[in-house]
Amino acid sequence: MTEDTPRFGIPEALARRMSMPEQHEYLRAKLTRRRILAGSVATAAAAGTGVLAGSPAAAAVKASPTLVTASATATVDGSLVAPFGRHLAFGADPKTQMRISWQVPFAVTRPYVRVGLRPWELGAKIEAEVRALHTPSLSTKLPAVDQVYLHAGLDGLQPGTTYYYGVGHDGFDPASPERMSTLGSFRTAPAAPETFVFTAFGDQGVSYHALANDQLILGQNPAFHLHAGDICYADSTGQGKESDTYDARVWDQFLAQTESVAARVPWMVTTGNHDMEAWYSPNGYGGQSARWSLPGNGPDPALAPGVYSFTYGNVGVVALDANDVSYEIQANKGYTAGRQTAWLDRRLGELRARPEIDFVVVFFHHCAYSTSTHASDGGVRDWWVPLFAKHQVDLVVNGHNHVYERTDAIKGGEVGRTVPIGGTTDPTRDGIVYVTAGGAGKDLYSFGLGVRDSYEGHVHDHDHILTFHWTKLRLPDPDVVEWSRVRYTGFSFLAVEAVAGASPVLKVSALAESGERIDHFEVRRSAQ
């Protein structure tokens, strides 16, 4: 994957010069020309997919908006339509807010959620919001696709409490005895800090390896999961060739695959380069907004849905969209006009000022420090690394490179402290550890020629590694680095135990697909 920018069949030479809004306009104009030649695509799509006139999906075909929010209209008997793809996400306050999202294969009447403290005592129906998404046939090989996503926001919940829920619609009541097996559960954040575990990775896609990682994650009993972008790869190759395809149906597969975990573990995502889907809105995030309900407390939730923050126990978490600053993949470079970076500075300062917050974790897609295929992004380094240092961020998690790689503590671009496997670091003195956790399930990458994997039980240290970082001119600039401490070219994920109390600590571990531990270290902060 030498060219990762999603282009959906736009000629390569042209797409190299186009921003994401320009790609969006190109695709819209291309589809309009196709409609003139081929007749009414809207009529054909509605007839071919069984969408009734007047339904949200049919409206999307006719008017060509990317996202429709309206009351659903049933197209089939609701008792025959089973919800799938349930996934949870926190609201801005995980102690009192939860967002429940799911999908149905056909439009249904009056979708809702039931919630209660016991599975046999679910409460009143809470109306769901309908977000219908239409994807036209963007190539001769793929059909038009209509998808219906449903979302319900739960507010006023009790902290530290387990709730049971079921999703339904007219004809499908999750509280009925025959539907009890479809119920899910979640637990809100505690009122006061207590020890908990969270997990993280990036670059998952749909595969047996992705499914295996999901099941291992569930075994960690995490309070939440962080997904650092490149979520499902509906944009499969992104190489800008005529053979490239975007298949919206891959999202159906992904959400079904992930449901076993995400239906009970809040699945907190941010955007990678494969998640810029040019058809949906000028910045390519209309599909994201249809499928996910995220905290929405970033600088501009409509513009940048993958930028937000939340706190859980003694940890503050910040999600960023590195497409905004990337020098390597520039389709969305600068799209927030600096607002995301200014917000990041403010938000990190606010988190550091809160006495109950011991640790700050930041996650995003493109790597600040990595030596694998995509190497390091100079844009991330220029715009965000100084802010991470200014506010003494405790841990940075990236994806993009499909490997596990962990740095020493980095300070001023150099090794501030060597952190061997099993070591301890103090961000107030040593610098910041950066973790690339991109081995979630997509095809794996490798390291450079002669660079060996080095992980727990198989340590092969290299004094120096030849790599590069991307410059403003989108050129690779060679680096010789000493900070690559742990490397593993297998499927894996991150598990972090946040210990609260008089001696708070982040216990960071990396686990392989086999369950074998491949790395671990601790983050302890000196008293300020």
Protein backbone atom coordinates (compact mmCIF):
# COMPACT_ATOMS: atom_id res chain seq x y z
CA MET A 1 0.00 0.00 0.00
CA THR A 2 2.27 2.74 -1.25
CA GLU A 3 -0.67 5.10 -1.86
CA ASP A 4 -3.20 5.07 0.97
CA THR A 5 -5.41 8.03 0.05
CA PRO A 6 -8.93 6.81 -0.82
CA ARG A 7 -9.80 7.82 -4.36
CA PHE A 8 -12.66 5.51 -5.41
CA GLY A 9 -11.62 5.25 -9.08
CA ILE A 10 -10.48 8.84 -9.63
CA PRO A 11 -7.52 8.76 -12.08
CA GLU A 12 -4.30 8.60 -10.08
CA ALA A 13 -2.57 11.59 -11.66
CA LEU A 14 -5.59 13.76 -10.93
CA ALA A 15 -6.25 12.43 -7.44
CA ARG A 16 -2.70 13.20 -6.31
CA ARG A 17 -3.50 16.91 -6.69
CA MET A 18 -6.97 16.81 -5.15
CA SER A 19 -8.09 17.53 -1.61
CA MET A 20 -10.90 15.50 -0.05
CA PRO A 21 -13.52 18.21 -0.87
CA GLU A 22 -12.30 18.25 -4.47
CA GLN A 23 -12.58 14.47 -4.67
CA HIS A 24 -16.11 14.75 -3.30
CA GLU A 25 -17.13 17.24 -5.99
CA TYR A 26 -15.48 15.16 -8.71
CA LEU A 27 -17.42 12.05 -7.69
CA ARG A 28 -20.70 13.98 -7.50
CA ALA A 29 -20.19 15.42 -10.97
CA LYS A 30 -19.17 12.01 -12.33
CA LEU A 31 -22.32 10.39 -10.95
CA THR A 32 -24.48 13.17 -12.39
CA ARG A 33 -23.04 12.53 -15.85
CA ARG A 34 -23.71 8.83 -15.44
CA ARG A 35 -27.34 9.55 -14.50
CA ILE A 36 -27.84 11.61 -17.65
CA LEU A 37 -26.54 8.75 -19.77
CA ALA A 38 -28.17 5.88 -17.94
CA GLY A 39 -31.44 7.44 -16.79
CA SER A 40 -32.76 7.68 -13.29
CA VAL A 41 -30.42 5.87 -10.94
CA ALA A 42 -32.76 6.74 -8.09
CA THR A 43 -35.67 4.85 -9.60
CA ALA A 44 -33.55 1.84 -10.45
CA ALA A 45 -31.95 1.76 -6.98
CA ALA A 46 -35.30 1.99 -5.18
CA ALA A 47 -36.76 -0.77 -7.34
CA GLY A 48 -33.69 -2.99 -7.11
CA THR A 49 -33.26 -2.83 -3.35
CA GLY A 50 -36.88 -2.90 -2.25
CA VAL A 51 -36.78 0.65 -0.84
CA LEU A 52 -40.23 2.17 -0.82
CA ALA A 53 -40.88 5.64 -2.13
CA GLY A 54 -40.96 8.02 0.80
CA SER A 55 -38.50 6.02 2.90
CA PRO A 56 -35.31 7.73 4.09
CA ALA A 57 -33.21 5.59 1.77
CA ALA A 58 -35.34 6.50 -1.24
CA ALA A 59 -35.11 10.17 -0.31
CA ALA A 60 -31.33 9.84 -0.17
CA VAL A 61 -31.33 8.42 -3.69
CA LYS A 62 -33.57 11.12 -5.11
CA ALA A 63 -32.07 14.19 -3.48
CA SER A 64 -28.49 12.88 -3.17
CA PRO A 65 -27.82 14.05 0.39
CA THR A 66 -25.28 11.81 2.08
CA LEU A 67 -27.10 11.63 5.40
CA VAL A 68 -30.82 11.60 6.14
CA THR A 69 -32.32 11.88 9.62
CA ALA A 70 -36.05 11.18 9.66
CA SER A 71 -38.72 8.84 10.93
CA ALA A 72 -38.31 5.34 9.52
CA THR A 73 -40.93 3.78 7.28
CA ALA A 74 -41.39 0.02 7.46
CA THR A 75 -40.77 -1.89 4.26
CA VAL A 76 -41.26 -5.43 5.59
CA ASP A 77 -42.93 -7.08 8.58
CA GLY A 78 -40.94 -5.89 11.60
CA SER A 79 -41.03 -9.35 13.21
CA LEU A 80 -38.84 -10.58 10.34
CA VAL A 81 -36.18 -7.89 10.73
CA ALA A 82 -33.43 -8.62 13.27
CA PRO A 83 -31.17 -5.78 14.49
CA PHE A 84 -27.42 -6.37 14.22
CA GLY A 85 -24.11 -4.58 14.59
CA ARG A 86 -24.77 -3.14 18.05
CA HIS A 87 -21.98 -0.90 19.30
CA LEU A 88 -21.70 1.30 22.36
CA ALA A 89 -19.93 4.60 22.89
CA PHE A 90 -19.66 7.00 25.79
CA GLY A 91 -21.23 10.41 25.72
CA ALA A 92 -19.16 13.35 26.91
CA ASP A 93 -19.63 12.15 30.52
CA PRO A 94 -19.08 8.36 30.82
CA LYS A 95 -20.47 8.42 34.37
CA THR A 96 -23.96 9.39 33.21
CA GLN A 97 -24.11 9.01 29.41
CA MET A 98 -24.07 6.09 26.99
CA ARG A 99 -24.80 5.97 23.26
CA ILE A 100 -26.27 2.80 21.74
CA SER A 101 -26.04 2.29 17.97
CA TRP A 102 -27.13 -0.55 15.71
CA GLN A 103 -28.20 -1.43 12.20
CA VAL A 104 -31.18 -3.01 10.48
CA PRO A 105 -31.15 -4.55 7.00
CA PHE A 106 -34.44 -2.83 6.09
CA ALA A 107 -36.19 0.30 7.29
CA VAL A 108 -38.41 -0.37 10.31
CA THR A 109 -41.19 1.44 12.14
CA ARG A 110 -40.55 3.22 15.45
CA PRO A 111 -37.12 1.84 16.44
CA TYR A 112 -36.27 2.12 20.13
CA VAL A 113 -34.11 0.98 23.05
CA ARG A 114 -35.29 -0.54 26.33
CA VAL A 115 -33.02 -0.13 29.39
CA GLY A 116 -33.20 -1.46 32.93
CA LEU A 117 -31.21 -2.55 35.96
CA ARG A 118 -32.24 -6.18 35.43
CA PRO A 119 -32.62 -8.07 32.15
CA TRP A 120 -36.17 -9.07 33.08
CA GLU A 121 -37.15 -5.52 34.10
CA LEU A 122 -36.44 -3.34 31.08
CA GLY A 123 -38.02 0.08 31.22
CA ALA A 124 -39.95 2.25 28.83
CA LYS A 125 -39.08 2.58 25.17
CA ILE A 126 -36.54 5.29 24.28
CA GLU A 127 -37.00 6.45 20.71
CA ALA A 128 -34.03 5.96 18.37
CA GLU A 129 -32.72 8.36 15.75
CA VAL A 130 -32.60 7.04 12.19
CA ARG A 131 -29.63 7.82 9.97
CA ALA A 132 -30.11 6.31 6.54
CA LEU A 133 -27.06 6.24 4.28
CA HIS A 134 -27.13 5.79 0.52
CA THR A 135 -24.07 4.82 -1.48
CA PRO A 136 -24.56 4.86 -5.24
CA SER A 137 -22.86 2.46 -7.61
CA LEU A 138 -19.41 4.05 -7.80
CA SER A 139 -18.15 1.43 -10.24
CA THR A 140 -19.63 -1.03 -12.71
CA LYS A 141 -18.64 -3.89 -10.39
CA LEU A 142 -20.61 -2.80 -7.34
CA PRO A 143 -24.33 -2.18 -6.71
CA ALA A 144 -25.88 0.79 -4.98
CA VAL A 145 -26.18 0.22 -1.24
CA ASP A 146 -28.73 1.54 1.24
CA GLN A 147 -27.92 1.21 4.95
CA VAL A 148 -30.04 2.13 7.96
CA TYR A 149 -28.25 3.04 11.20
CA LEU A 150 -30.09 3.65 14.46
CA HIS A 151 -28.88 5.58 17.51
CA ALA A 152 -30.22 6.21 21.00
CA GLY A 153 -28.68 8.52 23.58
CA LEU A 154 -29.01 7.62 27.26
CA ASP A 155 -28.50 10.47 29.73
CA GLY A 156 -28.99 10.77 33.48
CA LEU A 157 -27.57 7.32 34.23
CA GLN A 158 -26.13 6.43 37.64
CA PRO A 159 -22.32 6.22 37.93
CA GLY A 160 -20.71 2.84 38.46
CA THR A 161 -23.90 0.98 37.58
CA THR A 162 -24.55 -2.01 35.31
CA TYR A 163 -27.48 -1.57 32.92
CA TYR A 164 -29.15 -4.05 30.59
CA TYR A 165 -30.60 -3.01 27.26
CA GLY A 166 -32.33 -4.29 24.19
CA VAL A 167 -32.86 -2.72 20.77
CA GLY A 168 -36.07 -3.17 18.84
CA HIS A 169 -38.85 -1.78 16.69
CA ASP A 170 -42.49 -2.47 15.92
CA GLY A 171 -42.76 -6.24 15.63
CA PHE A 172 -39.46 -6.93 17.43
CA ASP A 173 -39.61 -6.37 21.20
CA PRO A 174 -36.33 -7.27 22.94
CA ALA A 175 -38.19 -7.60 26.28
CA SER A 176 -40.32 -10.48 25.02
CA PRO A 177 -39.25 -13.95 26.25
CA GLU A 178 -38.24 -15.15 22.79
CA ARG A 179 -35.95 -12.12 22.31
CA MET A 180 -34.17 -12.16 25.69
CA SER A 181 -31.05 -13.67 24.11
CA THR A 182 -30.56 -10.43 22.14
CA LEU A 183 -30.06 -8.28 25.26
CA GLY A 184 -26.78 -6.53 25.99
CA SER A 185 -25.31 -4.78 29.00
CA PHE A 186 -22.90 -1.99 29.91
CA ARG A 187 -21.45 -0.35 33.00
CA THR A 188 -21.10 3.40 33.49
CA ALA A 189 -17.89 4.97 34.74
CA PRO A 190 -17.40 5.07 38.52
CA ALA A 191 -18.23 8.20 40.50
CA ALA A 192 -14.71 8.22 41.99
CA PRO A 193 -11.50 6.82 40.47
CA GLU A 194 -10.95 3.10 40.84
CA THR A 195 -8.66 0.62 39.10
CA PHE A 196 -9.79 -0.46 35.63
CA VAL A 197 -8.50 -1.81 32.30
CA PHE A 198 -8.85 -0.42 28.79
CA THR A 199 -7.65 -1.85 25.48
CA ALA A 200 -6.51 -0.28 22.21
CA PHE A 201 -5.44 -0.99 18.64
CA GLY A 202 -5.73 0.33 15.08
CA ASP A 203 -6.12 -1.03 11.54
CA GLN A 204 -8.60 -3.85 12.16
CA GLY A 205 -10.61 -4.64 9.04
CA VAL A 206 -12.58 -7.84 8.62
CA SER A 207 -10.67 -11.09 9.08
CA TYR A 208 -10.30 -14.14 11.30
CA HIS A 209 -7.37 -12.40 12.97
CA ALA A 210 -9.53 -9.38 13.73
CA LEU A 211 -12.18 -11.64 15.23
CA ALA A 212 -9.55 -13.44 17.33
CA ASN A 213 -8.29 -10.13 18.71
CA ASP A 214 -11.86 -9.13 19.57
CA GLN A 215 -12.36 -12.26 21.63
CA LEU A 216 -9.08 -11.76 23.48
CA ILE A 217 -10.07 -8.17 24.20
CA LEU A 218 -13.36 -9.33 25.68
CA GLY A 219 -11.37 -11.58 28.00
CA GLN A 220 -9.61 -8.52 29.45
CA ASN A 221 -12.99 -7.21 30.69
CA PRO A 222 -12.09 -3.67 29.58
CA ALA A 223 -14.04 -0.59 30.62
CA PHE A 224 -13.68 0.71 27.05
CA HIS A 225 -11.71 0.13 23.85
CA LEU A 226 -9.82 2.66 21.72
CA HIS A 227 -9.72 2.12 17.94
CA ALA A 228 -7.01 4.32 16.42
CA GLY A 229 -8.42 4.55 12.89
CA ASP A 230 -8.57 2.51 9.67
CA ILE A 231 -11.62 0.82 11.03
CA CYS A 232 -13.08 -1.55 8.43
CA TYR A 233 -11.36 -0.87 5.08
CA ALA A 234 -14.48 -0.46 2.98
CA ASP A 235 -11.99 1.59 0.98
CA SER A 236 -9.89 -1.50 0.40
CA THR A 237 -6.66 -0.40 -1.30
CA GLY A 238 -6.66 3.37 -1.78
CA GLN A 239 -3.99 3.24 -4.49
CA GLY A 240 -5.79 5.55 -6.90
CA LYS A 241 -6.06 2.99 -9.71
CA GLU A 242 -9.06 2.27 -11.89
CA SER A 243 -9.28 -1.14 -10.19
CA ASP A 244 -9.72 0.42 -6.75
CA THR A 245 -13.11 -0.16 -5.15
CA TYR A 246 -15.13 1.19 -2.27
CA ASP A 247 -17.62 -1.34 -1.01
CA ALA A 248 -20.00 0.05 1.65
CA ARG A 249 -21.17 -3.49 2.45
CA VAL A 250 -17.87 -4.16 4.23
CA TRP A 251 -19.23 -1.95 7.04
CA ASP A 252 -22.04 -4.46 7.53
CA GLN A 253 -19.49 -7.26 7.89
CA PHE A 254 -17.34 -5.23 10.25
CA LEU A 255 -20.14 -4.20 12.59
CA ALA A 256 -21.45 -7.78 12.71
CA GLN A 257 -17.93 -9.05 13.46
CA THR A 258 -17.34 -6.52 16.22
CA GLU A 259 -20.75 -6.82 17.89
CA SER A 260 -19.72 -9.56 20.32
CA VAL A 261 -17.42 -7.04 22.03
CA ALA A 262 -18.76 -3.62 21.09
CA ALA A 263 -22.29 -4.47 22.29
CA ARG A 264 -20.94 -4.45 25.86
CA VAL A 265 -17.64 -2.51 25.65
CA PRO A 266 -17.80 1.14 24.51
CA TRP A 267 -15.96 1.18 21.17
CA MET A 268 -14.32 4.59 20.91
CA VAL A 269 -13.08 5.21 17.37
CA THR A 270 -11.22 7.91 15.54
CA THR A 271 -10.49 8.39 11.84
CA GLY A 272 -7.63 6.98 9.78
CA ASN A 273 -6.74 7.59 6.16
CA HIS A 274 -8.90 4.66 5.00
CA ASP A 275 -11.85 6.25 6.83
CA MET A 276 -11.88 9.29 4.55
CA GLU A 277 -14.63 8.09 2.22
CA ALA A 278 -14.81 10.72 -0.49
CA TRP A 279 -18.44 10.18 -1.48
CA TYR A 280 -19.80 11.14 1.92
CA SER A 281 -19.65 14.92 2.41
CA PRO A 282 -16.78 17.21 1.39
CA ASN A 283 -14.35 15.91 4.01
CA GLY A 284 -15.35 12.29 3.61
CA TYR A 285 -16.83 11.86 7.09
CA GLY A 286 -20.56 11.64 6.35
CA GLY A 287 -20.36 7.86 6.60
CA GLN A 288 -18.63 8.14 9.97
CA SER A 289 -21.37 10.43 11.25
CA ALA A 290 -24.04 7.98 10.10
CA ARG A 291 -22.49 4.92 11.74
CA TRP A 292 -21.10 6.24 15.03
CA SER A 293 -22.36 8.34 17.92
CA LEU A 294 -19.31 9.79 19.66
CA PRO A 295 -19.00 12.30 22.53
CA GLY A 296 -19.28 15.33 20.24
CA ASN A 297 -17.30 17.66 22.50
CA GLY A 298 -14.46 18.42 20.10
CA PRO A 299 -13.89 21.72 18.30
CA ASP A 300 -16.50 20.97 15.59
CA PRO A 301 -18.36 17.62 15.85
CA ALA A 302 -20.06 18.03 12.48
CA LEU A 303 -16.78 18.75 10.70
CA ALA A 304 -14.52 16.41 12.69
CA PRO A 305 -16.55 13.63 14.39
CA GLY A 306 -13.40 11.70 15.36
CA VAL A 307 -12.07 14.52 17.56
CA TYR A 308 -13.31 14.40 21.16
CA SER A 309 -12.31 13.62 24.73
CA PHE A 310 -13.63 11.92 27.83
CA THR A 311 -12.49 11.01 31.31
CA TYR A 312 -12.83 7.64 33.00
CA GLY A 313 -11.65 7.23 36.58
CA ASN A 314 -8.20 8.80 36.87
CA VAL A 315 -7.51 8.84 33.11
CA GLY A 316 -8.26 11.56 30.58
CA VAL A 317 -8.51 10.34 26.97
CA VAL A 318 -8.18 12.52 23.87
CA ALA A 319 -9.05 11.33 20.33
CA LEU A 320 -7.56 13.20 17.37
CA ASP A 321 -7.89 13.12 13.58
CA ALA A 322 -4.35 13.09 12.18
CA ASN A 323 -5.63 13.44 8.61
CA ASP A 324 -5.76 17.13 9.51
CA VAL A 325 -1.98 17.43 9.97
CA SER A 326 -0.50 14.54 7.98
CA TYR A 327 2.35 15.29 5.59
CA GLU A 328 2.20 11.79 4.10
CA ILE A 329 -1.47 11.66 3.08
CA GLN A 330 -2.70 15.17 2.42
CA ALA A 331 -6.28 14.80 1.16
CA ASN A 332 -7.64 16.42 4.34
CA LYS A 333 -4.56 18.34 5.43
CA GLY A 334 -5.56 21.57 7.19
CA TYR A 335 -9.30 20.94 6.93
CA THR A 336 -9.99 22.28 10.45
CA ALA A 337 -7.93 25.43 9.75
CA GLY A 338 -5.96 24.92 12.97
CA ARG A 339 -9.02 24.58 15.21
CA GLN A 340 -8.24 20.99 16.18
CA THR A 341 -4.70 21.86 17.27
CA ALA A 342 -5.87 24.89 19.27
CA TRP A 343 -8.55 22.75 20.93
CA LEU A 344 -5.95 20.08 21.73
CA ASP A 345 -3.76 22.62 23.52
CA ARG A 346 -6.73 23.84 25.59
CA ARG A 347 -8.05 20.38 26.34
CA LEU A 348 -4.72 18.98 27.49
CA GLY A 349 -4.31 21.99 29.76
CA GLU A 350 -7.79 21.46 31.22
CA LEU A 351 -7.12 17.78 31.91
CA ARG A 352 -3.80 18.50 33.57
CA ALA A 353 -5.48 21.06 35.84
CA ARG A 354 -7.95 18.51 37.23
CA PRO A 355 -6.61 16.97 40.46
CA GLU A 356 -8.50 13.68 40.00
CA ILE A 357 -6.79 13.03 36.63
CA ASP A 358 -3.51 11.16 37.12
CA PHE A 359 -2.86 10.19 33.50
CA VAL A 360 -3.57 11.59 30.03
CA VAL A 361 -3.72 9.21 27.04
CA VAL A 362 -3.93 10.46 23.44
CA PHE A 363 -4.80 8.25 20.46
CA PHE A 364 -4.89 8.90 16.72
CA HIS A 365 -3.95 7.13 13.49
CA HIS A 366 -0.73 8.37 11.84
CA CYS A 367 2.48 7.59 13.71
CA ALA A 368 4.56 10.20 15.46
CA TYR A 369 7.40 7.70 15.92
CA SER A 370 7.62 4.41 14.03
CA THR A 371 10.13 2.64 11.78
CA SER A 372 7.80 0.32 9.82
CA THR A 373 6.35 0.83 6.32
CA HIS A 374 4.77 4.29 6.69
CA ALA A 375 7.44 5.35 9.21
CA SER A 376 6.83 8.65 11.05
CA ASP A 377 4.65 11.58 10.03
CA GLY A 378 6.43 14.92 10.20
CA GLY A 379 3.11 16.76 10.37
CA VAL A 380 2.20 15.03 13.62
CA ARG A 381 5.64 15.84 14.97
CA ASP A 382 5.47 19.50 13.95
CA TRP A 383 1.95 20.26 15.14
CA TRP A 384 1.23 17.95 18.08
CA VAL A 385 4.37 16.49 19.64
CA PRO A 386 5.34 19.89 21.16
CA LEU A 387 1.90 20.04 22.80
CA PHE A 388 2.26 16.50 24.14
CA ALA A 389 5.57 17.54 25.69
CA LYS A 390 4.17 20.84 27.01
CA HIS A 391 1.37 19.06 28.87
CA GLN A 392 3.37 15.92 29.76
CA VAL A 393 1.08 13.40 28.08
CA ASP A 394 1.61 9.97 29.60
CA LEU A 395 0.95 7.65 26.65
CA VAL A 396 0.37 8.09 22.90
CA VAL A 397 -1.27 5.28 20.90
CA ASN A 398 -1.16 5.14 17.08
CA GLY A 399 -2.03 2.72 14.27
CA HIS A 400 -1.25 3.13 10.54
CA ASN A 401 1.73 0.75 10.55
CA HIS A 402 0.41 -2.80 10.82
CA VAL A 403 2.86 -3.93 13.50
CA TYR A 404 3.49 -3.48 17.19
CA GLU A 405 6.29 -1.05 17.94
CA ARG A 406 7.06 0.74 21.18
CA THR A 407 9.55 3.51 21.74
CA ASP A 408 11.72 4.43 24.67
CA ALA A 409 10.65 7.60 26.45
CA ILE A 410 11.22 10.36 23.86
CA LYS A 411 12.15 13.88 24.88
CA GLY A 412 13.03 16.56 22.35
CA GLY A 413 13.05 13.98 19.55
CA GLU A 414 15.71 11.87 21.26
CA VAL A 415 15.78 9.10 23.86
CA GLY A 416 15.03 10.71 27.21
CA ARG A 417 15.19 7.37 29.02
CA THR A 418 15.66 3.82 27.83
CA VAL A 419 12.57 1.80 28.76
CA PRO A 420 13.32 -1.91 28.42
CA ILE A 421 10.62 -4.56 28.57
CA GLY A 422 9.36 -4.50 32.16
CA GLY A 423 10.80 -1.02 32.73
CA THR A 424 9.30 2.08 34.31
CA THR A 425 9.20 5.65 33.01
CA ASP A 426 8.19 9.04 34.41
CA PRO A 427 6.79 11.50 31.83
CA THR A 428 7.54 14.48 34.08
CA ARG A 429 11.25 13.71 33.74
CA ASP A 430 11.91 11.24 30.93
CA GLY A 431 9.59 12.14 28.07
CA ILE A 432 6.75 10.24 26.41
CA VAL A 433 6.39 6.63 25.26
CA TYR A 434 4.75 6.20 21.84
CA VAL A 435 3.07 2.90 20.93
CA THR A 436 2.16 1.78 17.42
CA ALA A 437 -0.59 -0.82 17.88
CA GLY A 438 -1.56 -1.45 14.26
CA GLY A 439 -1.72 -5.24 14.34
CA ALA A 440 -5.47 -5.50 14.92
CA GLY A 441 -6.31 -7.73 11.98
CA LYS A 442 -5.39 -6.21 8.62
CA ASP A 443 -2.50 -7.63 6.56
CA LEU A 444 0.74 -7.18 8.49
CA TYR A 445 3.74 -5.01 7.60
CA SER A 446 7.43 -5.56 8.29
CA PHE A 447 10.43 -3.60 9.51
CA GLY A 448 13.46 -2.56 7.50
CA LEU A 449 16.04 -4.81 5.96
CA GLY A 450 18.07 -6.47 8.68
CA VAL A 451 15.87 -5.14 11.51
CA ARG A 452 14.73 -8.01 13.72
CA ASP A 453 11.63 -8.32 15.86
CA SER A 454 12.41 -7.72 19.51
CA TYR A 455 9.81 -8.59 22.14
CA GLU A 456 9.44 -10.30 25.50
CA GLY A 457 11.44 -13.52 25.53
CA HIS A 458 12.96 -12.70 22.13
CA VAL A 459 14.97 -9.52 22.67
CA HIS A 460 17.17 -8.35 19.80
CA ASP A 461 18.14 -4.75 20.45
CA HIS A 462 19.46 -2.54 17.66
CA ASP A 463 21.61 0.44 18.62
CA HIS A 464 20.53 2.31 15.48
CA ILE A 465 17.77 1.81 12.90
CA LEU A 466 17.63 3.50 9.51
CA THR A 467 14.13 4.86 8.86
CA PHE A 468 12.51 8.13 7.67
CA HIS A 469 9.84 10.73 8.36
CA TRP A 470 7.53 12.52 5.93
CA THR A 471 8.15 16.19 5.14
CA LYS A 472 5.83 19.02 4.13
CA LEU A 473 6.69 18.31 0.49
CA ARG A 474 5.41 14.74 0.96
CA LEU A 475 8.91 13.37 0.64
CA PRO A 476 10.60 10.80 2.93
CA ASP A 477 13.52 12.29 4.84
CA PRO A 478 15.97 9.66 6.19
CA ASP A 479 16.47 9.24 9.94
CA VAL A 480 18.84 7.16 12.03
CA VAL A 481 17.09 6.52 15.34
CA GLU A 482 17.82 4.87 18.67
CA TRP A 483 14.31 4.94 20.19
CA SER A 484 12.76 1.77 18.66
CA ARG A 485 12.73 -0.49 21.73
CA VAL A 486 10.12 -3.23 21.05
CA ARG A 487 9.07 -4.59 17.65
CA TYR A 488 6.64 -7.39 16.77
CA THR A 489 5.31 -8.30 13.31
CA GLY A 490 2.28 -10.25 14.46
CA PHE A 491 -1.34 -9.55 15.29
CA SER A 492 -1.67 -7.91 18.69
CA PHE A 493 -3.39 -5.30 20.84
CA LEU A 494 -2.70 -3.09 23.84
CA ALA A 495 -4.13 -3.67 27.34
CA VAL A 496 -3.65 -0.95 29.95
CA GLU A 497 -4.45 -1.25 33.64
CA ALA A 498 -4.97 2.15 35.26
CA VAL A 499 -4.34 1.78 38.98
CA ALA A 500 -5.91 4.45 41.17
CA GLY A 501 -5.13 5.37 44.74
CA ALA A 502 -2.14 6.70 46.67
CA SER A 503 0.37 5.33 44.12
CA PRO A 504 -1.28 5.59 40.70
CA VAL A 505 0.34 3.74 37.80
CA LEU A 506 -0.40 2.83 34.20
CA LYS A 507 0.53 -0.81 33.65
CA VAL A 508 0.84 -1.15 29.87
CA SER A 509 0.95 -4.59 28.23
CA ALA A 510 0.86 -5.80 24.64
CA LEU A 511 -0.70 -9.18 23.91
CA ALA A 512 -0.30 -11.27 20.77
CA GLU A 513 -3.18 -13.00 19.01
CA SER A 514 -2.15 -16.18 20.84
CA GLY A 515 -2.61 -14.46 24.21
CA GLU A 516 1.16 -14.37 24.78
CA ARG A 517 2.47 -11.17 26.33
CA ILE A 518 5.01 -9.49 24.05
CA ASP A 519 5.72 -6.30 25.98
CA HIS A 520 5.00 -4.58 29.27
CA PHE A 521 6.12 -1.42 31.05
CA GLU A 522 4.83 1.04 33.64
CA VAL A 523 4.18 4.77 33.67
CA ARG A 524 4.55 6.46 37.07
CA ARG A 525 4.48 10.23 37.53
CA SER A 526 6.49 12.12 40.12
CA ALA A 527 4.53 14.43 42.41
CA GLN A 528 4.33 17.93 40.92
